[in-house]
Structures are given as structure tokens and as C-alpha cells.
Amino acid sequence: MKRTKAFIAIILTIVALAFVVFVGIMQQKFTNPDLASMSYPQTDTESATTDEKNESDEEEAKDTDTVAGAVGSVVNDEEADDTVDAEEIEATTSTRTVEVETLNARSGPGVDYDLVGVLVMNQQVEVEDRGEEWVKVTTDEFTGYVNAKFLSEE
């Protein structure tokens, strides 16, 4: 009976140590600075966003007409209004909190850009918001872009 209890205690100790080692390895992977340099395959959502972007680029290309030898350009009222709206948008700066376990920060506003860093839950970041889906974030270590839906409201 004592041998069985001792054997079970040894097995439980080995399993507990293996679990601690596993957790340590996983922690290292999430805090490893080389993680930012790794490339990841696109998810279905990211692919759909890329496809939508490509379609809108194709539509814009179809909307522009050129004449050989023409100098200058013609702007209709609709395009002029868009230009004014873009200039009127000012960036608001605020401090926000990351609301997900880990959040990849990218070099530009979209999933097609390289990773520049990783943010963690409850991390405070300075945010430059222009009312778009992607916002510019600044930390002590890096500056990058993240999707605003993963940050707290102001």
C-alpha cells in the first residue's frame, strides 16, 4: 500500500514538473522578441479584407480615364468633396488599453504589413485615431498600427 502511494506521488510530481516546464516554454514563445519577425499565414478574414481592397483598387483604376498627351487633370464635384473631407479629418490622441491576450502591431494600417511588435492585455498605449478601422499606437518600444476594435474606448 505504501509503495503504491509513493509511486503515485512520484508520477504526480513528474507530471507537475512537466506542466511547469511546458508553461515556461510557452511563456518564452509569447515574450520572445524574435516572435515579431516571424511571418504567419493569412486567415480567412484577412484574405477577404485583401480581396476587398484589390477589388476597390480595380474599380478606382476603371474610374480614371486618360488621354494621350493631355496635361493637367479634371476633378468632378464628387472627387473634390472627398479631398476636402480627407483634409478636414484631424487625428485625436488618447491613451487606450489593450483588451485581448496578445495584439500584433504592424508597420502599416492592414494585415499585409510586417509585424513590429506585440501588445499584451491591459497594456496602456498612446493612440492616434483618425476615425478609421486601424489606429497608430505608440509604446516605449515601438510605433505601429493595430485594429481599433481590440482597444478600449477613450
C-alpha atoms as a PDB file:
ATOM      1  CA  MET A   1       0.000   0.000   0.000  1.00  0.00           C
ATOM      2  CA  LYS A   2       2.814   2.414   0.894  1.00  0.00           C
ATOM      3  CA  ARG A   3       4.629   1.557  -2.333  1.00  0.00           C
ATOM      4  CA  THR A   4       1.519   2.365  -4.388  1.00  0.00           C
ATOM      5  CA  LYS A   5       1.125   5.747  -2.676  1.00  0.00           C
ATOM      6  CA  ALA A   6       4.803   6.520  -3.181  1.00  0.00           C
ATOM      7  CA  PHE A   7       4.579   5.500  -6.851  1.00  0.00           C
ATOM      8  CA  ILE A   8       1.510   7.727  -7.393  1.00  0.00           C
ATOM      9  CA  ALA A   9       3.238  10.630  -5.622  1.00  0.00           C
ATOM     10  CA  ILE A  10       6.302  10.263  -7.866  1.00  0.00           C
ATOM     11  CA  ILE A  11       4.152  10.127 -11.017  1.00  0.00           C
ATOM     12  CA  LEU A  12       2.180  13.229  -9.940  1.00  0.00           C
ATOM     13  CA  THR A  13       5.432  15.074  -9.206  1.00  0.00           C
ATOM     14  CA  ILE A  14       6.798  14.222 -12.662  1.00  0.00           C
ATOM     15  CA  VAL A  15       3.550  15.342 -14.341  1.00  0.00           C
ATOM     16  CA  ALA A  16       3.552  18.593 -12.334  1.00  0.00           C
ATOM     17  CA  LEU A  17       7.171  19.319 -13.299  1.00  0.00           C
ATOM     18  CA  ALA A  18       6.416  18.581 -16.952  1.00  0.00           C
ATOM     19  CA  PHE A  19       3.491  21.020 -16.798  1.00  0.00           C
ATOM     20  CA  VAL A  20       5.670  23.750 -15.248  1.00  0.00           C
ATOM     21  CA  VAL A  21       8.298  23.259 -17.977  1.00  0.00           C
ATOM     22  CA  PHE A  22       5.570  23.400 -20.653  1.00  0.00           C
ATOM     23  CA  VAL A  23       4.184  26.674 -19.253  1.00  0.00           C
ATOM     24  CA  GLY A  24       7.696  28.130 -19.115  1.00  0.00           C
ATOM     25  CA  ILE A  25       8.339  27.251 -22.758  1.00  0.00           C
ATOM     26  CA  MET A  26       5.010  28.756 -23.849  1.00  0.00           C
ATOM     27  CA  GLN A  27       5.731  31.948 -21.891  1.00  0.00           C
ATOM     28  CA  GLN A  28       9.078  32.250 -23.662  1.00  0.00           C
ATOM     29  CA  LYS A  29       7.380  31.976 -27.051  1.00  0.00           C
ATOM     30  CA  PHE A  30       4.997  34.848 -26.240  1.00  0.00           C
ATOM     31  CA  THR A  31       7.692  37.143 -24.840  1.00  0.00           C
ATOM     32  CA  ASN A  32      10.406  36.255 -27.344  1.00  0.00           C
ATOM     33  CA  PRO A  33      11.466  39.342 -29.380  1.00  0.00           C
ATOM     34  CA  ASP A  34      12.087  37.095 -32.389  1.00  0.00           C
ATOM     35  CA  LEU A  35       8.331  36.406 -32.471  1.00  0.00           C
ATOM     36  CA  ALA A  36       7.735  39.742 -34.202  1.00  0.00           C
ATOM     37  CA  SER A  37       9.985  38.758 -37.108  1.00  0.00           C
ATOM     38  CA  MET A  38       8.070  35.554 -37.845  1.00  0.00           C
ATOM     39  CA  SER A  39       5.579  35.514 -40.707  1.00  0.00           C
ATOM     40  CA  TYR A  40       2.159  33.973 -40.277  1.00  0.00           C
ATOM     41  CA  PRO A  41      -0.267  32.671 -42.918  1.00  0.00           C
ATOM     42  CA  GLN A  42      -3.355  34.769 -43.576  1.00  0.00           C
ATOM     43  CA  THR A  43      -6.656  33.764 -42.049  1.00  0.00           C
ATOM     44  CA  ASP A  44      -9.922  33.681 -43.995  1.00  0.00           C
ATOM     45  CA  THR A  45     -10.871  37.106 -42.613  1.00  0.00           C
ATOM     46  CA  GLU A  46      -7.538  38.613 -43.625  1.00  0.00           C
ATOM     47  CA  SER A  47      -7.843  37.117 -47.116  1.00  0.00           C
ATOM     48  CA  ALA A  48     -11.336  38.559 -47.507  1.00  0.00           C
ATOM     49  CA  THR A  49     -10.074  42.000 -46.499  1.00  0.00           C
ATOM     50  CA  THR A  50      -7.246  41.754 -49.027  1.00  0.00           C
ATOM     51  CA  ASP A  51      -9.675  40.676 -51.769  1.00  0.00           C
ATOM     52  CA  GLU A  52     -11.985  43.621 -50.988  1.00  0.00           C
ATOM     53  CA  LYS A  53      -9.018  46.011 -51.126  1.00  0.00           C
ATOM     54  CA  ASN A  54      -7.921  44.609 -54.509  1.00  0.00           C
ATOM     55  CA  GLU A  55     -11.476  44.956 -55.873  1.00  0.00           C
ATOM     56  CA  SER A  56     -11.693  48.596 -54.761  1.00  0.00           C
ATOM     57  CA  ASP A  57      -8.290  49.306 -56.372  1.00  0.00           C
ATOM     58  CA  GLU A  58      -9.531  47.786 -59.638  1.00  0.00           C
ATOM     59  CA  GLU A  59     -12.697  49.921 -59.509  1.00  0.00           C
ATOM     60  CA  GLU A  60     -10.631  53.057 -58.954  1.00  0.00           C
ATOM     61  CA  ALA A  61      -8.440  52.143 -61.915  1.00  0.00           C
ATOM     62  CA  LYS A  62     -11.546  51.765 -64.106  1.00  0.00           C
ATOM     63  CA  ASP A  63     -12.890  55.153 -62.955  1.00  0.00           C
ATOM     64  CA  THR A  64      -9.851  57.083 -64.195  1.00  0.00           C
ATOM     65  CA  ASP A  65      -9.637  57.914 -67.870  1.00  0.00           C
ATOM     66  CA  THR A  66      -6.522  59.299 -69.522  1.00  0.00           C
ATOM     67  CA  VAL A  67      -5.885  60.988 -72.832  1.00  0.00           C
ATOM     68  CA  ALA A  68      -2.521  60.661 -74.533  1.00  0.00           C
ATOM     69  CA  GLY A  69      -0.669  63.963 -74.471  1.00  0.00           C
ATOM     70  CA  ALA A  70      -3.111  65.582 -72.035  1.00  0.00           C
ATOM     71  CA  VAL A  71      -1.699  67.941 -69.449  1.00  0.00           C
ATOM     72  CA  GLY A  72      -3.437  68.514 -66.118  1.00  0.00           C
ATOM     73  CA  SER A  73      -6.497  66.804 -64.765  1.00  0.00           C
ATOM     74  CA  VAL A  74     -10.222  67.261 -64.409  1.00  0.00           C
ATOM     75  CA  VAL A  75     -11.827  66.899 -60.995  1.00  0.00           C
ATOM     76  CA  ASN A  76     -15.577  66.490 -60.686  1.00  0.00           C
ATOM     77  CA  ASP A  77     -17.523  67.813 -57.680  1.00  0.00           C
ATOM     78  CA  GLU A  78     -17.725  64.387 -56.013  1.00  0.00           C
ATOM     79  CA  GLU A  79     -13.939  63.936 -56.056  1.00  0.00           C
ATOM     80  CA  ALA A  80     -13.397  67.490 -54.807  1.00  0.00           C
ATOM     81  CA  ASP A  81     -15.691  66.825 -51.818  1.00  0.00           C
ATOM     82  CA  ASP A  82     -13.730  63.653 -50.966  1.00  0.00           C
ATOM     83  CA  THR A  83     -10.482  65.619 -50.954  1.00  0.00           C
ATOM     84  CA  VAL A  84     -11.886  68.254 -48.620  1.00  0.00           C
ATOM     85  CA  ASP A  85     -13.231  65.574 -46.256  1.00  0.00           C
ATOM     86  CA  ALA A  86      -9.838  63.865 -46.082  1.00  0.00           C
ATOM     87  CA  GLU A  87      -8.135  67.146 -45.213  1.00  0.00           C
ATOM     88  CA  GLU A  88     -10.709  68.020 -42.528  1.00  0.00           C
ATOM     89  CA  ILE A  89     -10.148  64.795 -40.563  1.00  0.00           C
ATOM     90  CA  GLU A  90      -7.810  65.501 -37.684  1.00  0.00           C
ATOM     91  CA  ALA A  91      -6.129  62.872 -35.588  1.00  0.00           C
ATOM     92  CA  THR A  92      -7.166  62.634 -31.959  1.00  0.00           C
ATOM     93  CA  THR A  93      -4.604  61.399 -29.472  1.00  0.00           C
ATOM     94  CA  SER A  94      -5.599  59.402 -26.402  1.00  0.00           C
ATOM     95  CA  THR A  95      -4.428  56.645 -24.089  1.00  0.00           C
ATOM     96  CA  ARG A  96      -6.215  53.314 -24.511  1.00  0.00           C
ATOM     97  CA  THR A  97      -5.912  49.816 -23.076  1.00  0.00           C
ATOM     98  CA  VAL A  98      -5.408  46.546 -24.974  1.00  0.00           C
ATOM     99  CA  GLU A  99      -8.458  44.296 -24.430  1.00  0.00           C
ATOM    100  CA  VAL A 100      -7.161  40.986 -25.853  1.00  0.00           C
ATOM    101  CA  GLU A 101      -4.498  38.488 -24.681  1.00  0.00           C
ATOM    102  CA  THR A 102      -1.991  39.460 -27.390  1.00  0.00           C
ATOM    103  CA  LEU A 103      -2.304  42.003 -30.193  1.00  0.00           C
ATOM    104  CA  ASN A 104       0.039  42.199 -33.173  1.00  0.00           C
ATOM    105  CA  ALA A 105       1.208  45.701 -34.088  1.00  0.00           C
ATOM    106  CA  ARG A 106       2.055  46.174 -37.761  1.00  0.00           C
ATOM    107  CA  SER A 107       4.194  48.618 -39.733  1.00  0.00           C
ATOM    108  CA  GLY A 108       1.149  49.923 -41.630  1.00  0.00           C
ATOM    109  CA  PRO A 109      -2.659  50.007 -41.393  1.00  0.00           C
ATOM    110  CA  GLY A 110      -3.552  46.480 -42.518  1.00  0.00           C
ATOM    111  CA  VAL A 111      -2.767  42.796 -42.166  1.00  0.00           C
ATOM    112  CA  ASP A 112      -0.466  42.860 -45.196  1.00  0.00           C
ATOM    113  CA  TYR A 113       2.179  44.844 -43.306  1.00  0.00           C
ATOM    114  CA  ASP A 114       5.067  43.363 -41.303  1.00  0.00           C
ATOM    115  CA  LEU A 115       4.836  42.862 -37.548  1.00  0.00           C
ATOM    116  CA  VAL A 116       6.723  45.446 -35.497  1.00  0.00           C
ATOM    117  CA  GLY A 117       5.734  44.259 -32.024  1.00  0.00           C
ATOM    118  CA  VAL A 118       3.221  42.522 -29.808  1.00  0.00           C
ATOM    119  CA  LEU A 119       0.960  44.199 -27.243  1.00  0.00           C
ATOM    120  CA  VAL A 120      -0.463  42.318 -24.256  1.00  0.00           C
ATOM    121  CA  MET A 121      -3.725  42.540 -22.319  1.00  0.00           C
ATOM    122  CA  ASN A 122      -4.207  45.668 -20.168  1.00  0.00           C
ATOM    123  CA  GLN A 123      -1.161  47.381 -21.711  1.00  0.00           C
ATOM    124  CA  GLN A 124      -1.591  51.161 -21.976  1.00  0.00           C
ATOM    125  CA  VAL A 125      -0.731  52.680 -25.373  1.00  0.00           C
ATOM    126  CA  GLU A 126      -0.836  56.148 -26.900  1.00  0.00           C
ATOM    127  CA  VAL A 127      -3.301  56.097 -29.812  1.00  0.00           C
ATOM    128  CA  GLU A 128      -3.533  58.430 -32.804  1.00  0.00           C
ATOM    129  CA  ASP A 129      -7.072  57.962 -34.160  1.00  0.00           C
ATOM    130  CA  ARG A 130      -8.361  59.386 -37.443  1.00  0.00           C
ATOM    131  CA  GLY A 131     -11.718  57.617 -37.233  1.00  0.00           C
ATOM    132  CA  GLU A 132     -10.573  54.678 -39.338  1.00  0.00           C
ATOM    133  CA  GLU A 133     -10.502  50.939 -38.604  1.00  0.00           C
ATOM    134  CA  TRP A 134      -6.723  50.920 -37.997  1.00  0.00           C
ATOM    135  CA  VAL A 135      -5.110  53.305 -35.500  1.00  0.00           C
ATOM    136  CA  LYS A 136      -1.488  54.256 -34.898  1.00  0.00           C
ATOM    137  CA  VAL A 137      -0.174  53.177 -31.483  1.00  0.00           C
ATOM    138  CA  THR A 138       2.995  54.244 -29.717  1.00  0.00           C
ATOM    139  CA  THR A 139       4.732  52.419 -26.870  1.00  0.00           C
ATOM    140  CA  ASP A 140       8.160  52.839 -25.291  1.00  0.00           C
ATOM    141  CA  GLU A 141       9.496  50.061 -27.554  1.00  0.00           C
ATOM    142  CA  PHE A 142       7.862  50.723 -30.944  1.00  0.00           C
ATOM    143  CA  THR A 143       5.275  52.550 -33.044  1.00  0.00           C
ATOM    144  CA  GLY A 144       2.830  50.557 -35.153  1.00  0.00           C
ATOM    145  CA  TYR A 145      -0.761  50.080 -36.280  1.00  0.00           C
ATOM    146  CA  VAL A 146      -3.492  47.914 -34.728  1.00  0.00           C
ATOM    147  CA  ASN A 147      -7.184  47.381 -35.361  1.00  0.00           C
ATOM    148  CA  ALA A 148      -9.124  49.778 -33.110  1.00  0.00           C
ATOM    149  CA  LYS A 149     -11.721  47.158 -32.148  1.00  0.00           C
ATOM    150  CA  PHE A 150      -9.160  45.457 -29.882  1.00  0.00           C
ATOM    151  CA  LEU A 151      -8.561  48.598 -27.794  1.00  0.00           C
ATOM    152  CA  SER A 152     -10.733  50.158 -25.090  1.00  0.00           C
ATOM    153  CA  GLU A 153     -12.747  53.252 -25.916  1.00  0.00           C
ATOM    154  CA  GLU A 154     -11.317  56.577 -24.807  1.00  0.00           C
END
